[in-house]
PDB file of N, CA and C in Angstrom:
ATOM      1  N   MET A   1     -57.263   0.945  64.474  1.00  0.00           N
ATOM      2  CA  MET A   1     -57.820   0.249  63.325  1.00  0.00           C
ATOM      3  C   MET A   1     -56.902   0.405  62.108  1.00  0.00           C
ATOM      4  N   THR A   2     -56.416   1.614  61.896  1.00  0.00           N
ATOM      5  CA  THR A   2     -55.542   1.861  60.756  1.00  0.00           C
ATOM      6  C   THR A   2     -54.229   1.095  60.902  1.00  0.00           C
ATOM      7  N   ARG A   3     -53.747   0.998  62.112  1.00  0.00           N
ATOM      8  CA  ARG A   3     -52.506   0.273  62.358  1.00  0.00           C
ATOM      9  C   ARG A   3     -52.679  -1.215  62.047  1.00  0.00           C
ATOM     10  N   ARG A   4     -53.841  -1.749  62.378  1.00  0.00           N
ATOM     11  CA  ARG A   4     -54.125  -3.166  62.119  1.00  0.00           C
ATOM     12  C   ARG A   4     -54.181  -3.433  60.615  1.00  0.00           C
ATOM     13  N   ILE A   5     -54.836  -2.548  59.874  1.00  0.00           N
ATOM     14  CA  ILE A   5     -54.913  -2.698  58.417  1.00  0.00           C
ATOM     15  C   ILE A   5     -53.519  -2.611  57.809  1.00  0.00           C
ATOM     16  N   GLY A   6     -52.710  -1.699  58.318  1.00  0.00           N
ATOM     17  CA  GLY A   6     -51.337  -1.577  57.832  1.00  0.00           C
ATOM     18  C   GLY A   6     -50.525  -2.829  58.091  1.00  0.00           C
ATOM     19  N   LEU A   7     -50.706  -3.424  59.252  1.00  0.00           N
ATOM     20  CA  LEU A   7     -49.987  -4.654  59.588  1.00  0.00           C
ATOM     21  C   LEU A   7     -50.412  -5.804  58.679  1.00  0.00           C
ATOM     22  N   ILE A   8     -51.705  -5.917  58.428  1.00  0.00           N
ATOM     23  CA  ILE A   8     -52.206  -6.970  57.535  1.00  0.00           C
ATOM     24  C   ILE A   8     -51.661  -6.770  56.126  1.00  0.00           C
ATOM     25  N   ALA A   9     -51.659  -5.525  55.651  1.00  0.00           N
ATOM     26  CA  ALA A   9     -51.123  -5.233  54.317  1.00  0.00           C
ATOM     27  C   ALA A   9     -49.637  -5.579  54.244  1.00  0.00           C
ATOM     28  N   LEU A  10     -48.905  -5.283  55.296  1.00  0.00           N
ATOM     29  CA  LEU A  10     -47.477  -5.592  55.328  1.00  0.00           C
ATOM     30  C   LEU A  10     -47.236  -7.100  55.271  1.00  0.00           C
ATOM     31  N   VAL A  11     -48.012  -7.860  56.006  1.00  0.00           N
ATOM     32  CA  VAL A  11     -47.880  -9.318  55.997  1.00  0.00           C
ATOM     33  C   VAL A  11     -48.197  -9.869  54.607  1.00  0.00           C
ATOM     34  N   ILE A  12     -49.238  -9.328  53.977  1.00  0.00           N
ATOM     35  CA  ILE A  12     -49.610  -9.791  52.635  1.00  0.00           C
ATOM     36  C   ILE A  12     -48.509  -9.476  51.628  1.00  0.00           C
ATOM     37  N   LEU A  13     -47.843  -8.348  51.795  1.00  0.00           N
ATOM     38  CA  LEU A  13     -46.771  -7.984  50.869  1.00  0.00           C
ATOM     39  C   LEU A  13     -45.483  -8.763  51.127  1.00  0.00           C
ATOM     40  N   ILE A  14     -45.232  -9.166  52.372  1.00  0.00           N
ATOM     41  CA  ILE A  14     -43.998  -9.881  52.705  1.00  0.00           C
ATOM     42  C   ILE A  14     -44.109 -11.382  52.427  1.00  0.00           C
ATOM     43  N   ALA A  15     -45.294 -11.949  52.492  1.00  0.00           N
ATOM     44  CA  ALA A  15     -45.476 -13.399  52.310  1.00  0.00           C
ATOM     45  C   ALA A  15     -44.907 -13.912  50.986  1.00  0.00           C
ATOM     46  N   PRO A  16     -45.132 -13.239  49.850  1.00  0.00           N
ATOM     47  CA  PRO A  16     -44.546 -13.750  48.602  1.00  0.00           C
ATOM     48  C   PRO A  16     -43.020 -13.743  48.608  1.00  0.00           C
ATOM     49  N   LEU A  17     -42.415 -12.824  49.340  1.00  0.00           N
ATOM     50  CA  LEU A  17     -40.952 -12.807  49.412  1.00  0.00           C
ATOM     51  C   LEU A  17     -40.427 -14.060  50.099  1.00  0.00           C
ATOM     52  N   ALA A  18     -41.105 -14.504  51.134  1.00  0.00           N
ATOM     53  CA  ALA A  18     -40.696 -15.731  51.820  1.00  0.00           C
ATOM     54  C   ALA A  18     -40.854 -16.940  50.902  1.00  0.00           C
ATOM     55  N   ALA A  19     -41.912 -16.969  50.130  1.00  0.00           N
ATOM     56  CA  ALA A  19     -42.126 -18.079  49.196  1.00  0.00           C
ATOM     57  C   ALA A  19     -41.081 -18.056  48.086  1.00  0.00           C
ATOM     58  N   HIS A  20     -40.716 -16.866  47.633  1.00  0.00           N
ATOM     59  CA  HIS A  20     -39.713 -16.753  46.576  1.00  0.00           C
ATOM     60  C   HIS A  20     -38.339 -17.196  47.084  1.00  0.00           C
ATOM     61  N   ALA A  21     -38.073 -16.962  48.362  1.00  0.00           N
ATOM     62  CA  ALA A  21     -36.795 -17.375  48.935  1.00  0.00           C
ATOM     63  C   ALA A  21     -36.664 -18.893  48.965  1.00  0.00           C
ATOM     64  N   GLN A  22     -37.787 -19.596  48.908  1.00  0.00           N
ATOM     65  CA  GLN A  22     -37.768 -21.056  48.895  1.00  0.00           C
ATOM     66  C   GLN A  22     -37.879 -21.575  47.467  1.00  0.00           C
ATOM     67  N   THR A  23     -37.436 -20.829  46.513  1.00  0.00           N
ATOM     68  CA  THR A  23     -37.432 -21.108  45.074  1.00  0.00           C
ATOM     69  C   THR A  23     -38.829 -21.212  44.488  1.00  0.00           C
ATOM     70  N   GLY A  24     -39.806 -20.629  45.133  1.00  0.00           N
ATOM     71  CA  GLY A  24     -41.154 -20.610  44.572  1.00  0.00           C
ATOM     72  C   GLY A  24     -41.718 -22.002  44.400  1.00  0.00           C
ATOM     73  N   CYS A  25     -42.403 -22.242  43.304  1.00  0.00           N
ATOM     74  CA  CYS A  25     -43.027 -23.545  43.044  1.00  0.00           C
ATOM     75  C   CYS A  25     -42.198 -24.387  42.080  1.00  0.00           C
ATOM     76  N   ASP A  26     -41.048 -23.885  41.656  1.00  0.00           N
ATOM     77  CA  ASP A  26     -40.233 -24.625  40.693  1.00  0.00           C
ATOM     78  C   ASP A  26     -39.680 -25.917  41.283  1.00  0.00           C
ATOM     79  N   ASN A  27     -39.255 -25.870  42.531  1.00  0.00           N
ATOM     80  CA  ASN A  27     -38.635 -27.016  43.185  1.00  0.00           C
ATOM     81  C   ASN A  27     -39.516 -27.622  44.264  1.00  0.00           C
ATOM     82  N   SER A  28     -40.802 -27.405  44.179  1.00  0.00           N
ATOM     83  CA  SER A  28     -41.709 -27.811  45.245  1.00  0.00           C
ATOM     84  C   SER A  28     -41.806 -29.335  45.333  1.00  0.00           C
ATOM     85  N   PRO A  29     -41.650 -29.910  46.532  1.00  0.00           N
ATOM     86  CA  PRO A  29     -41.733 -31.362  46.665  1.00  0.00           C
ATOM     87  C   PRO A  29     -43.163 -31.889  46.572  1.00  0.00           C
ATOM     88  N   GLU A  30     -44.153 -31.041  46.851  1.00  0.00           N
ATOM     89  CA  GLU A  30     -45.539 -31.488  46.771  1.00  0.00           C
ATOM     90  C   GLU A  30     -46.187 -30.911  45.513  1.00  0.00           C
ATOM     91  N   ASN A  31     -47.237 -31.523  45.077  1.00  0.00           N
ATOM     92  CA  ASN A  31     -47.960 -31.047  43.908  1.00  0.00           C
ATOM     93  C   ASN A  31     -48.995 -30.028  44.379  1.00  0.00           C
ATOM     94  N   PRO A  32     -48.838 -28.744  44.041  1.00  0.00           N
ATOM     95  CA  PRO A  32     -49.763 -27.720  44.532  1.00  0.00           C
ATOM     96  C   PRO A  32     -51.214 -27.973  44.122  1.00  0.00           C
ATOM     97  N   THR A  33     -51.437 -28.580  42.970  1.00  0.00           N
ATOM     98  CA  THR A  33     -52.798 -28.841  42.521  1.00  0.00           C
ATOM     99  C   THR A  33     -53.478 -29.862  43.429  1.00  0.00           C
ATOM    100  N   ILE A  34     -52.764 -30.885  43.815  1.00  0.00           N
ATOM    101  CA  ILE A  34     -53.331 -31.905  44.700  1.00  0.00           C
ATOM    102  C   ILE A  34     -53.606 -31.319  46.084  1.00  0.00           C
ATOM    103  N   VAL A  35     -52.684 -30.506  46.578  1.00  0.00           N
ATOM    104  CA  VAL A  35     -52.878 -29.878  47.886  1.00  0.00           C
ATOM    105  C   VAL A  35     -54.112 -28.986  47.850  1.00  0.00           C
ATOM    106  N   LEU A  36     -54.263 -28.212  46.785  1.00  0.00           N
ATOM    107  CA  LEU A  36     -55.424 -27.334  46.649  1.00  0.00           C
ATOM    108  C   LEU A  36     -56.715 -28.142  46.574  1.00  0.00           C
ATOM    109  N   ALA A  37     -56.701 -29.260  45.871  1.00  0.00           N
ATOM    110  CA  ALA A  37     -57.889 -30.109  45.773  1.00  0.00           C
ATOM    111  C   ALA A  37     -58.245 -30.710  47.133  1.00  0.00           C
ATOM    112  N   LEU A  38     -57.248 -31.117  47.892  1.00  0.00           N
ATOM    113  CA  LEU A  38     -57.511 -31.676  49.222  1.00  0.00           C
ATOM    114  C   LEU A  38     -58.093 -30.632  50.169  1.00  0.00           C
ATOM    115  N   VAL A  39     -57.561 -29.429  50.127  1.00  0.00           N
ATOM    116  CA  VAL A  39     -58.075 -28.365  50.994  1.00  0.00           C
ATOM    117  C   VAL A  39     -59.504 -28.006  50.600  1.00  0.00           C
ATOM    118  N   GLY A  40     -59.771 -27.910  49.300  1.00  0.00           N
ATOM    119  CA  GLY A  40     -61.126 -27.607  48.836  1.00  0.00           C
ATOM    120  C   GLY A  40     -62.105 -28.712  49.187  1.00  0.00           C
ATOM    121  N   GLY A  41     -61.686 -29.946  49.020  1.00  0.00           N
ATOM    122  CA  GLY A  41     -62.554 -31.077  49.366  1.00  0.00           C
ATOM    123  C   GLY A  41     -62.843 -31.142  50.853  1.00  0.00           C
ATOM    124  N   ALA A  42     -61.831 -30.854  51.672  1.00  0.00           N
ATOM    125  CA  ALA A  42     -62.039 -30.851  53.121  1.00  0.00           C
ATOM    126  C   ALA A  42     -63.006 -29.748  53.523  1.00  0.00           C
ATOM    127  N   GLY A  43     -62.900 -28.597  52.890  1.00  0.00           N
ATOM    128  CA  GLY A  43     -63.822 -27.494  53.182  1.00  0.00           C
ATOM    129  C   GLY A  43     -65.245 -27.833  52.794  1.00  0.00           C
ATOM    130  N   ALA A  44     -65.412 -28.450  51.631  1.00  0.00           N
ATOM    131  CA  ALA A  44     -66.751 -28.840  51.181  1.00  0.00           C
ATOM    132  C   ALA A  44     -67.337 -29.916  52.088  1.00  0.00           C
ATOM    133  N   ALA A  45     -66.520 -30.877  52.490  1.00  0.00           N
ATOM    134  CA  ALA A  45     -67.003 -31.940  53.378  1.00  0.00           C
ATOM    135  C   ALA A  45     -67.389 -31.378  54.742  1.00  0.00           C
ATOM    136  N   PHE A  46     -66.602 -30.453  55.252  1.00  0.00           N
ATOM    137  CA  PHE A  46     -66.905 -29.844  56.543  1.00  0.00           C
ATOM    138  C   PHE A  46     -68.225 -29.083  56.487  1.00  0.00           C
ATOM    139  N   THR A  47     -68.428 -28.313  55.425  1.00  0.00           N
ATOM    140  CA  THR A  47     -69.667 -27.549  55.282  1.00  0.00           C
ATOM    141  C   THR A  47     -70.868 -28.471  55.169  1.00  0.00           C
ATOM    142  N   SER A  48     -70.735 -29.530  54.378  1.00  0.00           N
ATOM    143  CA  SER A  48     -71.827 -30.480  54.209  1.00  0.00           C
ATOM    144  C   SER A  48     -72.148 -31.191  55.522  1.00  0.00           C
ATOM    145  N   LEU A  49     -71.117 -31.624  56.229  1.00  0.00           N
ATOM    146  CA  LEU A  49     -71.315 -32.316  57.502  1.00  0.00           C
ATOM    147  C   LEU A  49     -71.945 -31.394  58.541  1.00  0.00           C
ATOM    148  N   ARG A  50     -71.501 -30.159  58.576  1.00  0.00           N
ATOM    149  CA  ARG A  50     -72.058 -29.196  59.524  1.00  0.00           C
ATOM    150  C   ARG A  50     -73.534 -28.939  59.227  1.00  0.00           C
ATOM    151  N   ALA A  51     -73.896 -28.866  57.944  1.00  0.00           N
ATOM    152  CA  ALA A  51     -75.296 -28.651  57.575  1.00  0.00           C
ATOM    153  C   ALA A  51     -76.148 -29.866  57.953  1.00  0.00           C
ATOM    154  N   ARG A  52     -75.627 -31.063  57.742  1.00  0.00           N
ATOM    155  CA  ARG A  52     -76.386 -32.273  58.083  1.00  0.00           C
ATOM    156  C   ARG A  52     -76.582 -32.414  59.584  1.00  0.00           C
ATOM    157  N   LEU A  53     -75.558 -32.119  60.355  1.00  0.00           N
ATOM    158  CA  LEU A  53     -75.678 -32.210  61.806  1.00  0.00           C
ATOM    159  C   LEU A  53     -76.601 -31.126  62.349  1.00  0.00           C
ATOM    160  N   GLY A  54     -76.630 -29.991  61.703  1.00  0.00           N
ATOM    161  CA  GLY A  54     -77.496 -28.904  62.139  1.00  0.00           C
ATOM    162  C   GLY A  54     -78.964 -29.222  61.935  1.00  0.00           C
ATOM    163  N   ARG A  55     -79.297 -29.978  60.893  1.00  0.00           N
ATOM    164  CA  ARG A  55     -80.695 -30.340  60.617  1.00  0.00           C
ATOM    165  C   ARG A  55     -81.232 -31.334  61.632  1.00  0.00           C
ATOM    166  N   LYS A  56     -80.363 -32.209  62.166  1.00  0.00           N
ATOM    167  CA  LYS A  56     -80.816 -33.248  63.093  1.00  0.00           C
ATOM    168  C   LYS A  56     -81.151 -32.692  64.471  1.00  0.00           C
ATOM    169  N   ARG A  57     -80.604 -31.566  64.808  1.00  0.00           N
ATOM    170  CA  ARG A  57     -80.836 -30.994  66.145  1.00  0.00           C
ATOM    171  C   ARG A  57     -82.163 -30.381  66.252  1.00  0.00           C
TER     172      ARG A  57
END
């Protein structure tokens, strides 16, 4: 269990280094705000659809 937590912590600490190597968000070809809005909207739609389908059963 401790080894798994250590591995997760290591991945969380290394992920920003990979993003920084790609010049961070300064040169990003996509708009991060739009991507975040699309992901949030998809999550909300999925939750709503799942709740509606669950009521019909």
